[in-house]
Amino acid sequence: MIHHVNFFLSDRSRFREQAETLTFIEMLSQISFK
């Protein structure tokens, strides 16, 4: 159970990094579309 929680936390931080990158890409694409 504890191992599952640790995996969830590490996966969550990795997901947050990807989300920030996607948001940055979306901002750039919106600027280029305008």
N, C-alpha and C. Protein backbone atom coordinates (compact mmCIF):
# COMPACT_ATOMS: atom_id res chain seq x y z
N MET A 1 0.83 -1.20 0.00
CA MET A 1 0.00 0.00 0.00
C MET A 1 0.88 1.26 0.00
N ILE A 2 1.89 1.26 0.87
CA ILE A 2 2.77 2.43 0.93
C ILE A 2 3.53 2.58 -0.40
N HIS A 3 3.93 1.46 -0.97
CA HIS A 3 4.64 1.51 -2.25
C HIS A 3 3.73 2.13 -3.32
N HIS A 4 2.46 1.79 -3.28
CA HIS A 4 1.51 2.32 -4.25
C HIS A 4 1.38 3.83 -4.09
N VAL A 5 1.38 4.30 -2.84
CA VAL A 5 1.26 5.74 -2.59
C VAL A 5 2.50 6.47 -3.10
N ASN A 6 3.67 5.89 -2.85
CA ASN A 6 4.91 6.51 -3.32
C ASN A 6 4.92 6.58 -4.85
N PHE A 7 4.47 5.54 -5.49
CA PHE A 7 4.41 5.53 -6.95
C PHE A 7 3.43 6.59 -7.44
N PHE A 8 2.32 6.73 -6.74
CA PHE A 8 1.31 7.72 -7.14
C PHE A 8 1.87 9.13 -7.02
N LEU A 9 2.62 9.39 -5.95
CA LEU A 9 3.19 10.73 -5.75
C LEU A 9 4.22 11.04 -6.83
N SER A 10 5.09 10.08 -7.13
CA SER A 10 6.11 10.32 -8.15
C SER A 10 5.45 10.47 -9.52
N ASP A 11 4.43 9.67 -9.80
CA ASP A 11 3.74 9.76 -11.07
C ASP A 11 2.99 11.09 -11.16
N ARG A 12 2.47 11.55 -10.03
CA ARG A 12 1.73 12.81 -10.00
C ARG A 12 2.65 13.99 -10.32
N SER A 13 3.86 13.99 -9.75
CA SER A 13 4.79 15.08 -10.01
C SER A 13 5.21 15.06 -11.48
N ARG A 14 5.38 13.87 -12.03
CA ARG A 14 5.76 13.76 -13.44
C ARG A 14 4.61 14.27 -14.31
N PHE A 15 3.38 13.97 -13.91
CA PHE A 15 2.22 14.42 -14.67
C PHE A 15 2.12 15.94 -14.63
N ARG A 16 2.47 16.52 -13.48
CA ARG A 16 2.39 17.98 -13.36
C ARG A 16 3.40 18.64 -14.30
N GLU A 17 4.58 18.04 -14.42
CA GLU A 17 5.58 18.59 -15.34
C GLU A 17 5.06 18.54 -16.78
N GLN A 18 4.44 17.42 -17.15
CA GLN A 18 3.90 17.29 -18.51
C GLN A 18 2.77 18.30 -18.71
N ALA A 19 1.95 18.51 -17.69
CA ALA A 19 0.83 19.44 -17.81
C ALA A 19 1.35 20.86 -18.03
N GLU A 20 2.40 21.23 -17.30
CA GLU A 20 2.97 22.57 -17.48
C GLU A 20 3.53 22.72 -18.88
N THR A 21 4.17 21.67 -19.39
CA THR A 21 4.73 21.73 -20.74
C THR A 21 3.61 21.85 -21.77
N LEU A 22 2.53 21.09 -21.59
CA LEU A 22 1.41 21.15 -22.52
C LEU A 22 0.77 22.53 -22.49
N THR A 23 0.62 23.10 -21.30
CA THR A 23 0.03 24.44 -21.18
C THR A 23 0.89 25.45 -21.92
N PHE A 24 2.20 25.32 -21.78
CA PHE A 24 3.12 26.24 -22.46
C PHE A 24 2.99 26.10 -23.97
N ILE A 25 2.87 24.86 -24.45
CA ILE A 25 2.73 24.62 -25.89
C ILE A 25 1.39 25.18 -26.39
N GLU A 26 0.34 25.02 -25.58
CA GLU A 26 -0.97 25.55 -25.98
C GLU A 26 -0.92 27.07 -26.09
N MET A 27 -0.25 27.71 -25.14
CA MET A 27 -0.13 29.17 -25.18
C MET A 27 0.59 29.60 -26.45
N LEU A 28 1.69 28.90 -26.78
CA LEU A 28 2.44 29.25 -27.99
C LEU A 28 1.59 29.04 -29.23
N SER A 29 0.85 27.96 -29.29
CA SER A 29 0.03 27.68 -30.47
C SER A 29 -1.08 28.71 -30.62
N GLN A 30 -1.68 29.13 -29.49
CA GLN A 30 -2.74 30.14 -29.56
C GLN A 30 -2.18 31.47 -30.04
N ILE A 31 -0.98 31.81 -29.58
CA ILE A 31 -0.36 33.07 -30.01
C ILE A 31 -0.06 33.02 -31.51
N SER A 32 0.44 31.88 -31.98
CA SER A 32 0.79 31.77 -33.39
C SER A 32 -0.47 31.73 -34.26
N PHE A 33 -1.57 31.19 -33.73
CA PHE A 33 -2.82 31.15 -34.50
C PHE A 33 -3.42 32.55 -34.63
N LYS A 34 -3.23 33.38 -33.62
CA LYS A 34 -3.75 34.75 -33.67
C LYS A 34 -2.84 35.63 -34.52
